[in-house]
């Protein structure tokens, strides 16, 4: 399983536009084969700070996701919303058996 944390620092005056634009990306990504979860979290202590937390079955699913129209369309528009470049971290993990 692969976990991706994509951190976004959104301009205050662009926050509503960012949320409007990212909702279709979230919905379409959740429907993709190989996606386990795709959630946007808002930092409650830092203004305009969001983290997309993605779980994928394998790296092939991530690569396919990065080529989808909903992903490429969002990433083409996204820089106008950000006050800093996104910070993306990718982790490989295995579930712990109980």
C-alpha atoms as a PDB file:
ATOM      1  CA  UNK A   1       0.000   0.000   0.000  1.00  0.00           C
ATOM      2  CA  UNK A   2       1.189   3.533  -0.756  1.00  0.00           C
ATOM      3  CA  UNK A   3       0.273   6.581   1.301  1.00  0.00           C
ATOM      4  CA  UNK A   4       0.620  10.076  -0.111  1.00  0.00           C
ATOM      5  CA  UNK A   5       0.480  13.272   1.930  1.00  0.00           C
ATOM      6  CA  UNK A   6       0.201  16.345  -0.288  1.00  0.00           C
ATOM      7  CA  UNK A   7       0.381  19.553   1.734  1.00  0.00           C
ATOM      8  CA  UNK A   8      -1.135  22.724   0.315  1.00  0.00           C
ATOM      9  CA  UNK A   9      -0.801  26.284   1.561  1.00  0.00           C
ATOM     10  CA  UNK A  10      -3.794  28.067   0.021  1.00  0.00           C
ATOM     11  CA  UNK A  11      -4.052  31.844  -0.432  1.00  0.00           C
ATOM     12  CA  UNK A  12      -6.743  33.221   1.880  1.00  0.00           C
ATOM     13  CA  UNK A  13      -8.580  35.010  -0.918  1.00  0.00           C
ATOM     14  CA  UNK A  14      -8.541  31.849  -3.094  1.00  0.00           C
ATOM     15  CA  UNK A  15      -9.691  29.319  -0.503  1.00  0.00           C
ATOM     16  CA  UNK A  16     -13.312  29.039  -1.701  1.00  0.00           C
ATOM     17  CA  UNK A  17     -12.189  28.694  -5.335  1.00  0.00           C
ATOM     18  CA  UNK A  18      -9.669  26.029  -4.296  1.00  0.00           C
ATOM     19  CA  UNK A  19     -12.346  24.030  -2.467  1.00  0.00           C
ATOM     20  CA  UNK A  20     -14.744  24.289  -5.413  1.00  0.00           C
ATOM     21  CA  UNK A  21     -12.051  23.121  -7.829  1.00  0.00           C
ATOM     22  CA  UNK A  22     -10.733  20.248  -5.702  1.00  0.00           C
ATOM     23  CA  UNK A  23     -14.090  18.606  -4.889  1.00  0.00           C
ATOM     24  CA  UNK A  24     -14.496  16.954  -8.329  1.00  0.00           C
ATOM     25  CA  UNK A  25     -10.897  15.693  -8.101  1.00  0.00           C
ATOM     26  CA  UNK A  26     -11.627  14.070  -4.749  1.00  0.00           C
ATOM     27  CA  UNK A  27     -14.846  12.449  -5.925  1.00  0.00           C
ATOM     28  CA  UNK A  28     -13.367  11.104  -9.172  1.00  0.00           C
ATOM     29  CA  UNK A  29     -10.200   9.880  -7.443  1.00  0.00           C
ATOM     30  CA  UNK A  30     -12.191   7.911  -4.881  1.00  0.00           C
ATOM     31  CA  UNK A  31     -13.879   6.054  -7.763  1.00  0.00           C
ATOM     32  CA  UNK A  32     -10.590   4.987  -9.335  1.00  0.00           C
ATOM     33  CA  UNK A  33      -9.499   1.367  -9.333  1.00  0.00           C
ATOM     34  CA  UNK A  34      -6.760   0.915  -6.773  1.00  0.00           C
ATOM     35  CA  UNK A  35      -7.828   3.821  -4.572  1.00  0.00           C
ATOM     36  CA  UNK A  36      -8.437   2.959  -0.935  1.00  0.00           C
ATOM     37  CA  UNK A  37      -9.157   6.479   0.306  1.00  0.00           C
ATOM     38  CA  UNK A  38      -8.688  10.091  -0.776  1.00  0.00           C
ATOM     39  CA  UNK A  39      -9.360  12.738   1.868  1.00  0.00           C
ATOM     40  CA  UNK A  40      -8.685  16.465   2.140  1.00  0.00           C
ATOM     41  CA  UNK A  41      -7.953  17.575   5.696  1.00  0.00           C
ATOM     42  CA  UNK A  42      -7.890  21.194   6.914  1.00  0.00           C
ATOM     43  CA  UNK A  43      -5.377  22.215   9.552  1.00  0.00           C
ATOM     44  CA  UNK A  44      -7.324  23.795  12.418  1.00  0.00           C
ATOM     45  CA  UNK A  45      -4.300  25.709  13.695  1.00  0.00           C
ATOM     46  CA  UNK A  46      -2.764  27.118  10.510  1.00  0.00           C
ATOM     47  CA  UNK A  47      -4.759  29.367   8.192  1.00  0.00           C
ATOM     48  CA  UNK A  48      -5.135  28.054   4.629  1.00  0.00           C
ATOM     49  CA  UNK A  49      -3.259  24.836   5.322  1.00  0.00           C
ATOM     50  CA  UNK A  50      -4.628  21.587   3.864  1.00  0.00           C
ATOM     51  CA  UNK A  51      -3.330  18.048   3.460  1.00  0.00           C
ATOM     52  CA  UNK A  52      -4.587  15.524   0.932  1.00  0.00           C
ATOM     53  CA  UNK A  53      -4.181  12.053   2.419  1.00  0.00           C
ATOM     54  CA  UNK A  54      -4.308   9.336  -0.237  1.00  0.00           C
ATOM     55  CA  UNK A  55      -4.126   5.559   0.148  1.00  0.00           C
ATOM     56  CA  UNK A  56      -3.460   3.443  -2.932  1.00  0.00           C
ATOM     57  CA  UNK A  57      -3.192  -0.315  -3.399  1.00  0.00           C
ATOM     58  CA  UNK A  58       0.021  -0.064  -5.436  1.00  0.00           C
ATOM     59  CA  UNK A  59       2.264   2.299  -7.375  1.00  0.00           C
ATOM     60  CA  UNK A  60       0.610   1.337 -10.682  1.00  0.00           C
ATOM     61  CA  UNK A  61      -2.655   2.818  -9.363  1.00  0.00           C
ATOM     62  CA  UNK A  62      -0.815   6.016  -8.391  1.00  0.00           C
ATOM     63  CA  UNK A  63       0.764   6.296 -11.840  1.00  0.00           C
ATOM     64  CA  UNK A  64      -2.608   5.828 -13.541  1.00  0.00           C
ATOM     65  CA  UNK A  65      -4.175   8.395 -11.203  1.00  0.00           C
ATOM     66  CA  UNK A  66      -1.504  10.946 -12.112  1.00  0.00           C
ATOM     67  CA  UNK A  67      -2.487  10.602 -15.784  1.00  0.00           C
ATOM     68  CA  UNK A  68      -6.251  11.028 -15.352  1.00  0.00           C
ATOM     69  CA  UNK A  69      -8.063  14.046 -16.749  1.00  0.00           C
ATOM     70  CA  UNK A  70      -9.407  15.035 -13.326  1.00  0.00           C
ATOM     71  CA  UNK A  71      -5.887  15.024 -11.843  1.00  0.00           C
ATOM     72  CA  UNK A  72      -4.115  16.796 -14.722  1.00  0.00           C
ATOM     73  CA  UNK A  73      -6.922  19.349 -15.000  1.00  0.00           C
ATOM     74  CA  UNK A  74      -6.672  20.209 -11.305  1.00  0.00           C
ATOM     75  CA  UNK A  75      -2.867  20.357 -11.267  1.00  0.00           C
ATOM     76  CA  UNK A  76      -2.886  22.722 -14.261  1.00  0.00           C
ATOM     77  CA  UNK A  77      -5.140  25.180 -12.380  1.00  0.00           C
ATOM     78  CA  UNK A  78      -3.814  24.615  -8.852  1.00  0.00           C
ATOM     79  CA  UNK A  79      -0.811  26.998  -8.773  1.00  0.00           C
ATOM     80  CA  UNK A  80      -3.109  30.032  -8.797  1.00  0.00           C
ATOM     81  CA  UNK A  81      -4.509  28.923  -5.413  1.00  0.00           C
ATOM     82  CA  UNK A  82      -1.195  28.284  -3.634  1.00  0.00           C
ATOM     83  CA  UNK A  83       1.035  30.661  -1.703  1.00  0.00           C
ATOM     84  CA  UNK A  84       3.828  28.045  -1.686  1.00  0.00           C
ATOM     85  CA  UNK A  85       4.647  24.946  -3.725  1.00  0.00           C
ATOM     86  CA  UNK A  86       2.852  21.765  -2.579  1.00  0.00           C
ATOM     87  CA  UNK A  87       4.836  19.492  -0.286  1.00  0.00           C
ATOM     88  CA  UNK A  88       4.349  15.867  -1.369  1.00  0.00           C
ATOM     89  CA  UNK A  89       5.544  12.848   0.616  1.00  0.00           C
ATOM     90  CA  UNK A  90       5.050   9.245  -0.485  1.00  0.00           C
ATOM     91  CA  UNK A  91       5.251   6.322   1.920  1.00  0.00           C
ATOM     92  CA  UNK A  92       5.103   2.573   1.389  1.00  0.00           C
ATOM     93  CA  UNK A  93       3.391   0.642   4.155  1.00  0.00           C
ATOM     94  CA  UNK A  94       1.943  -2.689   5.057  1.00  0.00           C
ATOM     95  CA  UNK A  95      -1.129  -3.163   7.245  1.00  0.00           C
ATOM     96  CA  UNK A  96      -0.526  -4.589  10.694  1.00  0.00           C
ATOM     97  CA  UNK A  97      -2.302  -7.873  11.322  1.00  0.00           C
ATOM     98  CA  UNK A  98      -4.311  -7.911  14.555  1.00  0.00           C
END
